[in-house]
Amino acid sequence: MTRDLRRRALESHKTVSRRAQSKQSSPATSRSNSRTPSRVASGAVSRAGSDDEDESGALSDETSFSVGSINEILNPEAMDTTSAWRAELNDRIDEIINRKRSSVQGREKCYATYIHILAAQYAEDEIRSRAAELIAAFLKSIKAESSEKETVLALKATGMSLITSPSDKLYDSIASPLKRTISDSTSIPSKTAAIHTLGVCTFYGGASDNEILENMAFLLEIIASDGDFISAQDEPAPVTAALEEWGFLATLAIDLSSDLEEALATFTDQLSSSSPEVQIAAGENIALLYEKYFLARGEEDESPDSDSSDGEPDTNTSRLSGAHPAFRNTDDLISTLGELASLSTHRLSKKDKKSIRSHFSDILNSVKTPSCGPRYRNAENTDGERLGSKMVVRIGQDGVMRIDKWWKLHRLQGLRRVLQGGFVNHYESNSVVFESLPIMIENNYTVTKASKKAVRNGSDGFLAVPGS
């Protein structure tokens, strides 16, 4: 699994967009009808601080897929460092697998404890031999939908299990039930959680390149229809989830050329959504695609800190138009992004307006200059050096992680949606998580690898996007 990852890695808040409005008067045939038949039936991340984040760093609600503040990742509240947690985990695993005479409330409590332990402790050795049985038990809860909370917890536990102990053999058994839940469940939280779990399952469950593209097309259908494709019309949560997981999967080293034009058009259309979460997630996907294809055009040696002839970063996006027709409308896109970066409206709260302006200022900058990552600044320090990307994620008390590429931001957000407050524990101990985001951590400006174990496993040089 590690080798395979290393190979591929590269008002109402309705979400009605202009495209959906036109569809209401002239319904179009779903593009899935013309696509190769599928082998199975068929919350936005803010980089501004969250007022609701637990400043103590305690683990979040086990049902949540929100990442809270992206600026600071605090070490979670310490659990028992003795073997007590192992005994507790083994008891919960036995309870999960042996469902006889269990109640809905009992399973909810058991799943929540299981998720909490797996977030706070790296327990790959404890669950590896029983992973298939655990997944089978979670799927029973997902299919039964006895309660919304049990379903969401079972979905979250499935994703947590796959990140803790990835497998090349579980995708086939998981993907179809997840897609059925996404399409058929009457619960919006269950649909949303299933979308996030589908992203994790595709990334860590052993999906082939064709299956990755198939699932990205499925997610794009949800986005383009404003949720109508899965009977969630105008619901921002599943649309946002689909945008986030599409971006997460797009960081893999797969060829998106055949769907690139449709994807960019769909994301651009969602910039007119009335949901700030949908707008931001769509914008971040646009920035990711510009970065990925600009760098893939032979700009590996160009970085935001590399001087061009006039002393500025390379802003020549015209070569993208030559690379793919999807980029021919860049001037119009820049105009739209500029409006969002300077948004002034009484319809949104002050907090939402500030968030949109901040995000789209970054996105606009990256579309104009694809070699610039999130929060890139042209200002210079006292030595005359450009400040460059200023996004820094704090790890505990001393460490910092620099997020200077959009693919890194998408990976970080994808991991934190599942791991929540346990991200630091897994980043330091779980080589699979480290290889998903192999970034140096700086401690007091001294750069060190986050995990000796990950280094021994050969994560050096693991890149998700050329030029990163």
Protein backbone atom coordinates (compact mmCIF):
# COMPACT_ATOMS: atom_id res chain seq x y z
CA MET A 1 0.00 0.00 0.00
CA THR A 2 2.83 2.38 0.83
CA ARG A 3 4.46 1.81 -2.54
CA ASP A 4 1.14 2.31 -4.28
CA LEU A 5 0.53 5.62 -2.47
CA ARG A 6 4.02 6.78 -3.29
CA ARG A 7 3.43 5.93 -6.94
CA ARG A 8 0.12 7.79 -7.33
CA ALA A 9 0.62 10.67 -4.99
CA LEU A 10 0.99 13.55 -6.71
CA GLU A 11 -31.35 33.67 3.99
CA SER A 12 -31.09 29.86 3.47
CA HIS A 13 -27.61 28.91 2.26
CA LYS A 14 -29.07 27.21 -0.79
CA THR A 15 -26.55 26.18 -3.40
CA VAL A 16 -28.48 26.98 -6.56
CA SER A 17 -26.02 28.07 -9.25
CA ARG A 18 -26.53 29.61 -12.66
CA ARG A 19 -26.06 26.22 -14.31
CA ALA A 20 -28.69 24.60 -12.10
CA GLN A 21 -31.12 27.44 -12.78
CA SER A 22 -30.79 26.85 -16.50
CA LYS A 23 -31.28 23.09 -15.96
CA GLN A 24 -34.60 23.74 -14.24
CA SER A 25 -36.07 25.05 -17.47
CA SER A 26 -34.24 22.58 -19.74
CA PRO A 27 -33.21 19.42 -17.91
CA ALA A 28 -30.08 17.84 -19.32
CA THR A 29 -29.34 14.15 -19.47
CA SER A 30 -26.93 13.14 -16.77
CA ARG A 31 -23.45 12.75 -18.16
CA SER A 32 -23.19 9.48 -16.27
CA ASN A 33 -25.46 7.98 -18.95
CA SER A 34 -22.79 8.50 -21.57
CA ARG A 35 -19.93 7.50 -19.34
CA THR A 36 -18.48 4.01 -19.14
CA PRO A 37 -20.86 2.17 -16.80
CA SER A 38 -19.78 2.25 -13.19
CA ARG A 39 -18.81 -1.03 -11.59
CA VAL A 40 -21.17 -0.16 -8.76
CA ALA A 41 -24.57 1.41 -8.59
CA SER A 42 -24.64 4.62 -8.42
CA GLY A 43 -18.77 21.31 5.65
CA ALA A 44 -16.12 24.11 3.74
CA VAL A 45 -12.79 24.21 5.41
CA SER A 46 -11.95 27.66 6.60
CA ARG A 47 -8.33 28.61 6.97
CA ALA A 48 -9.37 31.37 9.32
CA GLY A 49 -9.56 30.57 13.00
CA SER A 50 -12.70 28.92 14.28
CA ASP A 51 -14.45 30.50 17.24
CA ASP A 52 -15.70 27.05 18.23
CA GLU A 53 -12.33 25.32 18.38
CA ASP A 54 -11.43 23.78 21.69
CA GLU A 55 -8.40 25.73 22.83
CA SER A 56 -7.36 22.83 25.06
CA GLY A 57 -6.75 20.76 21.96
CA ALA A 58 -9.11 18.00 23.11
CA LEU A 59 -10.44 15.62 20.48
CA SER A 60 -13.48 16.91 18.61
CA ASP A 61 -16.91 15.30 18.51
CA GLU A 62 -16.37 11.93 16.86
CA THR A 63 -19.21 12.60 14.40
CA SER A 64 -17.62 15.77 13.01
CA PHE A 65 -15.82 16.10 9.69
CA SER A 66 -14.95 19.77 10.24
CA VAL A 67 -11.30 20.74 10.54
CA GLY A 68 -11.87 23.86 12.63
CA SER A 69 -8.87 26.18 12.59
CA ILE A 70 -6.21 25.33 10.05
CA ASN A 71 -3.71 27.75 11.58
CA GLU A 72 -2.92 25.78 14.70
CA ILE A 73 -3.05 22.08 15.50
CA LEU A 74 -2.79 21.54 19.21
CA ASN A 75 -1.71 18.25 20.70
CA PRO A 76 -4.84 16.42 21.82
CA GLU A 77 -5.59 15.80 25.43
CA ALA A 78 -3.27 13.02 26.52
CA MET A 79 -4.79 9.62 27.07
CA ASP A 80 -3.45 6.92 29.33
CA THR A 81 0.07 6.12 28.15
CA THR A 82 0.00 2.71 29.81
CA SER A 83 -1.47 -0.41 28.27
CA ALA A 84 -4.93 0.49 29.60
CA TRP A 85 -6.00 1.97 26.28
CA ARG A 86 -5.09 -1.27 24.50
CA ALA A 87 -7.31 -3.28 26.81
CA GLU A 88 -10.13 -0.77 26.28
CA LEU A 89 -9.67 -0.89 22.50
CA ASN A 90 -9.66 -4.70 22.44
CA ASP A 91 -12.88 -4.73 24.47
CA ARG A 92 -14.51 -2.31 22.05
CA ILE A 93 -13.33 -4.32 19.03
CA ASP A 94 -14.89 -7.46 20.51
CA GLU A 95 -18.10 -5.54 21.17
CA ILE A 96 -18.19 -4.16 17.61
CA ILE A 97 -17.65 -7.54 15.96
CA ASN A 98 -19.97 -9.47 18.26
CA ARG A 99 -23.19 -7.52 17.70
CA LYS A 100 -25.57 -9.98 19.35
CA ARG A 101 -27.97 -8.31 21.77
CA SER A 102 -26.37 -4.91 21.16
CA SER A 103 -28.59 -1.82 21.11
CA VAL A 104 -28.45 1.26 18.90
CA GLN A 105 -27.36 3.40 21.84
CA GLY A 106 -24.77 0.83 22.84
CA ARG A 107 -23.28 0.75 19.35
CA GLU A 108 -23.21 4.54 19.20
CA LYS A 109 -21.24 4.70 22.44
CA CYS A 110 -18.95 1.86 21.38
CA TYR A 111 -18.17 3.42 17.96
CA ALA A 112 -17.49 6.80 19.56
CA THR A 113 -15.01 5.25 21.99
CA TYR A 114 -13.33 3.29 19.19
CA ILE A 115 -12.92 6.46 17.11
CA HIS A 116 -11.58 8.39 20.09
CA ILE A 117 -8.95 5.78 20.91
CA LEU A 118 -7.83 5.40 17.27
CA ALA A 119 -7.42 9.16 17.00
CA ALA A 120 -5.46 9.52 20.22
CA GLN A 121 -3.31 6.40 19.76
CA TYR A 122 -1.68 4.85 16.71
CA ALA A 123 -3.17 1.34 16.93
CA GLU A 124 -2.29 -0.31 13.63
CA ASP A 125 -0.90 -3.40 15.35
CA GLU A 126 -4.07 -3.77 17.40
CA ILE A 127 -6.56 -3.62 14.51
CA ARG A 128 -4.63 -5.02 11.51
CA SER A 129 -5.61 -8.66 11.95
CA ARG A 130 -9.26 -7.78 12.59
CA ALA A 131 -9.70 -4.94 10.09
CA ALA A 132 -11.89 -6.93 7.70
CA GLU A 133 -14.22 -8.00 10.54
CA LEU A 134 -14.43 -4.42 11.81
CA ILE A 135 -15.26 -3.05 8.39
CA ALA A 136 -17.94 -5.71 7.93
CA ALA A 137 -19.52 -4.70 11.24
CA PHE A 138 -19.45 -1.01 10.36
CA LEU A 139 -21.05 -1.74 6.99
CA LYS A 140 -23.94 -3.48 8.74
CA SER A 141 -24.66 -0.28 10.64
CA ILE A 142 -24.23 1.84 7.51
CA LYS A 143 -26.68 -0.31 5.54
CA ALA A 144 -29.24 -0.59 8.36
CA GLU A 145 -29.29 3.15 9.23
CA SER A 146 -30.92 2.34 12.56
CA SER A 147 -30.14 5.87 13.71
CA GLU A 148 -28.48 8.84 12.07
CA LYS A 149 -25.83 9.04 14.79
CA GLU A 150 -24.93 5.33 14.55
CA THR A 151 -24.66 5.62 10.76
CA VAL A 152 -22.41 8.67 10.86
CA LEU A 153 -20.23 7.12 13.58
CA ALA A 154 -19.92 3.88 11.59
CA LEU A 155 -18.87 5.89 8.54
CA LYS A 156 -16.32 7.84 10.57
CA ALA A 157 -15.01 4.63 12.15
CA THR A 158 -14.56 3.11 8.69
CA GLY A 159 -12.43 6.04 7.54
CA MET A 160 -10.43 6.05 10.77
CA SER A 161 -9.74 2.31 10.42
CA LEU A 162 -8.49 2.70 6.84
CA ILE A 163 -6.13 5.54 7.73
CA THR A 164 -4.81 3.54 10.69
CA SER A 165 -4.43 0.30 8.72
CA PRO A 166 -4.73 0.82 4.93
CA SER A 167 -5.52 -2.14 2.72
CA ASP A 168 -5.41 -2.90 -0.99
CA LYS A 169 -8.27 -5.38 -0.59
CA LEU A 170 -11.12 -3.50 1.10
CA TYR A 171 -12.19 -1.05 -1.59
CA ASP A 172 -14.48 -3.50 -3.42
CA SER A 173 -16.47 -4.31 -0.28
CA ILE A 174 -16.82 -0.70 0.90
CA ALA A 175 -17.38 1.48 -2.17
CA SER A 176 -20.77 0.14 -3.27
CA PRO A 177 -22.49 0.47 0.17
CA LEU A 178 -21.05 3.99 0.52
CA LYS A 179 -22.44 5.04 -2.85
CA ARG A 180 -25.83 3.58 -1.97
CA THR A 181 -25.87 5.59 1.25
CA ILE A 182 -24.89 8.74 -0.64
CA SER A 183 -27.61 8.21 -3.22
CA ASP A 184 -30.44 6.69 -1.19
CA SER A 185 -30.20 7.83 2.42
CA THR A 186 -32.81 10.34 3.53
CA SER A 187 -30.36 11.83 6.05
CA ILE A 188 -28.22 14.73 4.85
CA PRO A 189 -25.59 14.20 7.60
CA SER A 190 -25.35 10.52 6.58
CA LYS A 191 -24.95 11.44 2.92
CA THR A 192 -22.30 13.99 3.81
CA ALA A 193 -20.36 11.58 6.04
CA ALA A 194 -20.55 8.87 3.37
CA ILE A 195 -19.07 11.26 0.79
CA HIS A 196 -16.12 11.97 3.07
CA THR A 197 -15.66 8.27 3.79
CA LEU A 198 -15.76 7.49 0.06
CA GLY A 199 -12.82 9.87 -0.39
CA VAL A 200 -10.84 8.12 2.36
CA CYS A 201 -11.80 4.67 1.05
CA THR A 202 -10.68 5.59 -2.47
CA PHE A 203 -7.38 7.00 -1.23
CA TYR A 204 -6.46 4.32 1.31
CA GLY A 205 -8.60 1.30 0.39
CA GLY A 206 -6.79 0.12 -2.73
CA ALA A 207 -8.79 1.75 -5.54
CA SER A 208 -7.28 1.54 -9.03
CA ASP A 209 -6.63 4.63 -11.13
CA ASN A 210 -9.81 3.96 -13.12
CA GLU A 211 -11.80 3.64 -9.91
CA ILE A 212 -10.35 6.90 -8.62
CA LEU A 213 -11.45 8.68 -11.81
CA GLU A 214 -14.85 6.98 -11.64
CA ASN A 215 -15.43 8.25 -8.10
CA MET A 216 -14.23 11.74 -9.00
CA ALA A 217 -16.79 11.74 -11.83
CA PHE A 218 -19.45 10.64 -9.32
CA LEU A 219 -18.50 13.51 -7.01
CA LEU A 220 -18.47 15.96 -9.91
CA GLU A 221 -22.02 14.90 -10.78
CA ILE A 222 -23.11 15.78 -7.24
CA ILE A 223 -21.43 19.19 -7.51
CA ALA A 224 -22.74 20.04 -10.98
CA SER A 225 -26.32 19.17 -10.01
CA ASP A 226 -26.19 21.15 -6.75
CA GLY A 227 -26.91 17.89 -4.93
CA ASP A 228 -29.92 16.90 -7.04
CA PHE A 229 -28.04 13.85 -8.39
CA ILE A 230 -28.25 12.31 -4.89
CA SER A 231 -31.66 13.76 -3.94
CA ALA A 232 -30.12 16.55 -1.88
CA GLN A 233 -31.08 19.54 -4.01
CA ASP A 234 -29.81 22.86 -2.64
CA GLU A 235 -28.17 21.27 0.40
CA PRO A 236 -24.74 22.89 0.87
CA ALA A 237 -23.23 20.21 3.15
CA PRO A 238 -23.06 17.29 0.66
CA VAL A 239 -22.05 19.61 -2.18
CA THR A 240 -19.24 21.04 -0.05
CA ALA A 241 -18.18 17.51 0.95
CA ALA A 242 -18.09 16.43 -2.71
CA LEU A 243 -15.94 19.45 -3.60
CA GLU A 244 -13.53 18.74 -0.74
CA GLU A 245 -13.13 15.05 -1.54
CA TRP A 246 -12.75 15.74 -5.27
CA GLY A 247 -9.87 18.06 -4.43
CA PHE A 248 -8.37 15.50 -2.03
CA LEU A 249 -8.38 12.81 -4.74
CA ALA A 250 -7.09 15.25 -7.36
CA THR A 251 -3.79 15.46 -5.45
CA LEU A 252 -3.04 11.92 -6.61
CA ALA A 253 -0.83 11.55 -9.68
CA ILE A 254 -3.57 10.67 -12.11
CA ASP A 255 -4.37 12.13 -15.53
CA LEU A 256 -7.41 14.40 -15.29
CA SER A 257 -7.17 15.75 -18.85
CA SER A 258 -10.38 14.17 -20.14
CA ASP A 259 -12.50 15.70 -17.36
CA LEU A 260 -10.50 18.87 -16.74
CA GLU A 261 -12.63 21.24 -18.81
CA GLU A 262 -15.88 20.00 -17.27
CA ALA A 263 -14.40 20.17 -13.76
CA LEU A 264 -13.17 23.74 -14.12
CA ALA A 265 -16.49 24.82 -15.63
CA THR A 266 -18.39 23.17 -12.76
CA PHE A 267 -16.22 24.74 -10.08
CA THR A 268 -16.43 28.14 -11.76
CA ASP A 269 -20.21 27.84 -11.83
CA GLN A 270 -20.25 27.10 -8.10
CA LEU A 271 -18.51 30.41 -7.41
CA SER A 272 -22.00 31.93 -7.76
CA SER A 273 -23.45 29.69 -5.03
CA SER A 274 -25.18 31.43 -2.13
CA SER A 275 -23.24 29.21 0.29
CA PRO A 276 -19.82 30.61 1.30
CA GLU A 277 -18.63 27.07 2.11
CA VAL A 278 -19.43 25.86 -1.40
CA GLN A 279 -17.81 28.94 -2.97
CA ILE A 280 -14.59 28.53 -1.00
CA ALA A 281 -14.28 24.78 -1.64
CA ALA A 282 -14.85 25.36 -5.37
CA GLY A 283 -12.28 28.15 -5.44
CA GLU A 284 -9.64 26.04 -3.70
CA ASN A 285 -10.15 23.28 -6.28
CA ILE A 286 -9.64 25.83 -9.06
CA ALA A 287 -6.39 26.99 -7.47
CA LEU A 288 -5.25 23.36 -7.14
CA LEU A 289 -5.87 22.64 -10.83
CA TYR A 290 -4.03 25.77 -11.97
CA GLU A 291 -1.10 24.85 -9.74
CA LYS A 292 -1.05 21.22 -10.84
CA TYR A 293 -1.15 21.87 -14.57
CA PHE A 294 1.13 24.89 -14.50
CA LEU A 295 3.79 22.89 -12.70
CA ALA A 296 3.21 19.90 -14.95
CA ARG A 297 4.07 22.09 -17.96
CA GLY A 298 7.73 21.95 -17.09
CA GLU A 299 7.78 24.62 -14.40
CA GLU A 300 9.22 22.30 -11.74
CA ASP A 301 12.16 24.62 -11.29
CA GLU A 302 9.99 27.69 -10.93
CA SER A 303 8.98 28.48 -7.36
CA PRO A 304 7.34 31.56 -5.86
CA ASP A 305 10.77 32.53 -4.59
CA SER A 306 12.46 32.20 -7.98
CA ASP A 307 13.15 35.57 -9.60
CA SER A 308 12.08 36.22 -13.18
CA SER A 309 13.70 38.83 -15.38
CA ASP A 310 11.73 41.66 -13.75
CA GLY A 311 12.18 40.33 -10.22
CA GLU A 312 8.63 39.00 -9.93
CA PRO A 313 7.24 35.43 -9.84
CA ASP A 314 6.29 33.99 -13.22
CA THR A 315 2.77 35.17 -14.07
CA ASN A 316 2.60 33.76 -17.59
CA THR A 317 -0.57 31.67 -17.53
CA SER A 318 -0.88 31.80 -21.32
CA ARG A 319 1.08 28.54 -21.56
CA LEU A 320 -1.80 26.88 -19.70
CA SER A 321 -4.18 27.86 -22.51
CA GLY A 322 -1.87 26.08 -24.88
CA ALA A 323 -1.69 23.08 -22.59
CA HIS A 324 -5.44 22.52 -22.37
CA PRO A 325 -8.52 24.38 -23.70
CA ALA A 326 -9.99 24.28 -20.18
CA PHE A 327 -7.81 27.27 -19.29
CA ARG A 328 -8.86 29.50 -22.19
CA ASN A 329 -11.33 31.47 -20.03
CA THR A 330 -8.74 32.48 -17.45
CA ASP A 331 -9.36 36.22 -17.96
CA ASP A 332 -13.07 35.83 -17.20
CA LEU A 333 -12.27 33.66 -14.20
CA ILE A 334 -9.84 36.26 -12.86
CA SER A 335 -12.59 38.87 -13.11
CA THR A 336 -15.00 36.68 -11.11
CA LEU A 337 -12.39 35.89 -8.47
CA GLY A 338 -11.55 39.58 -8.20
CA GLU A 339 -15.17 40.39 -7.39
CA LEU A 340 -15.19 37.77 -4.63
CA ALA A 341 -11.85 38.97 -3.25
CA SER A 342 -13.37 42.43 -2.78
CA LEU A 343 -16.90 41.29 -1.92
CA SER A 344 -19.21 43.86 -0.37
CA THR A 345 -22.75 42.75 0.45
CA HIS A 346 -25.23 43.02 3.28
CA ARG A 347 -26.51 39.49 2.63
CA LEU A 348 -23.61 37.84 4.47
CA SER A 349 -22.38 38.20 8.01
CA LYS A 350 -19.21 40.13 8.67
CA LYS A 351 -17.43 36.85 9.46
CA ASP A 352 -18.48 35.23 6.17
CA LYS A 353 -17.49 38.29 4.15
CA LYS A 354 -14.06 38.37 5.78
CA SER A 355 -13.58 34.66 5.13
CA ILE A 356 -14.56 34.94 1.45
CA ARG A 357 -12.31 37.93 0.88
CA SER A 358 -9.36 36.24 2.55
CA HIS A 359 -9.74 32.94 0.71
CA PHE A 360 -10.39 34.44 -2.69
CA SER A 361 -7.52 36.88 -2.40
CA ASP A 362 -5.28 33.80 -2.18
CA ILE A 363 -7.12 31.93 -4.93
CA LEU A 364 -7.00 34.94 -7.26
CA ASN A 365 -3.29 35.35 -6.66
CA SER A 366 -2.66 31.69 -7.51
CA VAL A 367 -4.74 31.76 -10.69
CA LYS A 368 -2.84 34.83 -11.85
CA THR A 369 0.46 33.30 -10.74
CA PRO A 370 0.10 29.51 -10.48
CA SER A 371 3.56 29.09 -8.99
CA CYS A 372 2.34 30.92 -5.87
CA GLY A 373 0.77 28.82 -3.13
CA PRO A 374 -1.72 29.76 -0.39
CA ARG A 375 -1.15 33.09 1.35
CA TYR A 376 1.72 34.08 -0.91
CA ARG A 377 2.93 37.61 -0.28
CA ASN A 378 5.09 39.74 -2.57
CA ALA A 379 6.29 41.89 0.32
CA GLU A 380 9.98 41.70 1.18
CA ASN A 381 11.73 41.27 4.49
CA THR A 382 14.57 43.46 5.71
CA ASP A 383 17.05 41.44 3.63
CA GLY A 384 15.13 42.12 0.43
CA GLU A 385 13.81 38.55 0.19
CA ARG A 386 10.16 37.93 -0.68
CA LEU A 387 8.05 36.69 2.19
CA GLY A 388 6.46 34.09 -0.12
CA SER A 389 3.81 31.74 1.24
CA LYS A 390 2.93 32.65 4.81
CA MET A 391 0.63 29.76 5.70
CA VAL A 392 2.09 28.09 8.76
CA VAL A 393 0.37 25.35 10.74
CA ARG A 394 1.54 25.14 14.31
CA ILE A 395 2.22 21.64 15.64
CA GLY A 396 2.07 21.61 19.42
CA GLN A 397 4.12 24.24 21.22
CA ASP A 398 7.26 24.48 19.10
CA GLY A 399 6.82 22.91 15.67
CA VAL A 400 5.51 24.57 12.52
CA MET A 401 4.52 23.09 9.16
CA ARG A 402 4.74 25.35 6.12
CA ILE A 403 1.90 24.88 3.62
CA ASP A 404 3.27 26.51 0.47
CA LYS A 405 1.36 24.49 -2.16
CA TRP A 406 -2.35 23.96 -2.70
CA TRP A 407 -1.93 20.18 -2.88
CA LYS A 408 -0.45 20.27 0.61
CA LEU A 409 -3.42 22.25 1.90
CA HIS A 410 -5.87 19.77 0.34
CA ARG A 411 -4.02 16.82 1.87
CA LEU A 412 -3.84 18.47 5.29
CA GLN A 413 -7.55 19.27 5.28
CA GLY A 414 -8.43 15.78 4.07
CA LEU A 415 -6.46 14.12 6.86
CA ARG A 416 -7.77 16.43 9.58
CA ARG A 417 -11.38 15.85 8.53
CA VAL A 418 -10.96 12.25 9.65
CA LEU A 419 -8.29 12.44 12.35
CA GLN A 420 -9.55 15.63 14.00
CA GLY A 421 -7.51 16.34 17.13
CA GLY A 422 -5.53 13.13 16.61
CA PHE A 423 -3.72 14.49 13.54
CA VAL A 424 -0.47 15.19 15.42
CA ASN A 425 -0.39 11.71 16.96
CA HIS A 426 -0.77 10.06 13.58
CA TYR A 427 1.58 12.43 11.80
CA GLU A 428 4.32 11.54 14.25
CA SER A 429 3.65 7.78 14.44
CA ASN A 430 1.69 6.68 11.35
CA SER A 431 4.01 6.44 8.34
CA VAL A 432 1.03 6.29 5.97
CA VAL A 433 -0.19 9.68 7.21
CA PHE A 434 3.32 11.11 7.00
CA GLU A 435 3.72 9.85 3.44
CA SER A 436 0.41 11.48 2.54
CA LEU A 437 1.87 14.83 3.64
CA PRO A 438 5.68 14.49 3.84
CA ILE A 439 6.47 18.00 4.97
CA MET A 440 9.38 19.06 7.11
CA ILE A 441 8.43 20.27 10.57
CA GLU A 442 10.50 23.15 11.86
CA ASN A 443 11.30 23.31 15.55
CA ASN A 444 12.81 26.63 16.56
CA TYR A 445 13.80 27.06 12.89
CA THR A 446 15.71 23.78 12.90
CA VAL A 447 14.26 21.48 10.25
CA THR A 448 13.82 17.85 11.29
CA LYS A 449 11.79 14.95 9.96
CA ALA A 450 8.57 14.42 11.86
CA SER A 451 9.02 10.71 12.12
CA LYS A 452 12.14 8.56 12.01
CA LYS A 453 9.96 5.60 11.20
CA ALA A 454 8.58 7.36 8.14
CA VAL A 455 12.07 8.23 6.97
CA ARG A 456 13.16 4.60 7.32
CA ASN A 457 10.21 3.62 5.16
CA GLY A 458 11.57 5.75 2.36
CA SER A 459 9.25 8.75 2.16
CA ASP A 460 11.97 11.10 0.90
CA GLY A 461 11.09 12.50 -2.49
CA PHE A 462 7.38 11.57 -2.22
CA LEU A 463 5.58 14.29 -4.17
CA ALA A 464 1.94 14.68 -5.00
CA VAL A 465 2.27 17.32 -7.71
CA PRO A 466 5.31 17.86 -9.94
CA GLY A 467 7.39 20.75 -8.75
CA SER A 468 6.25 20.55 -5.15
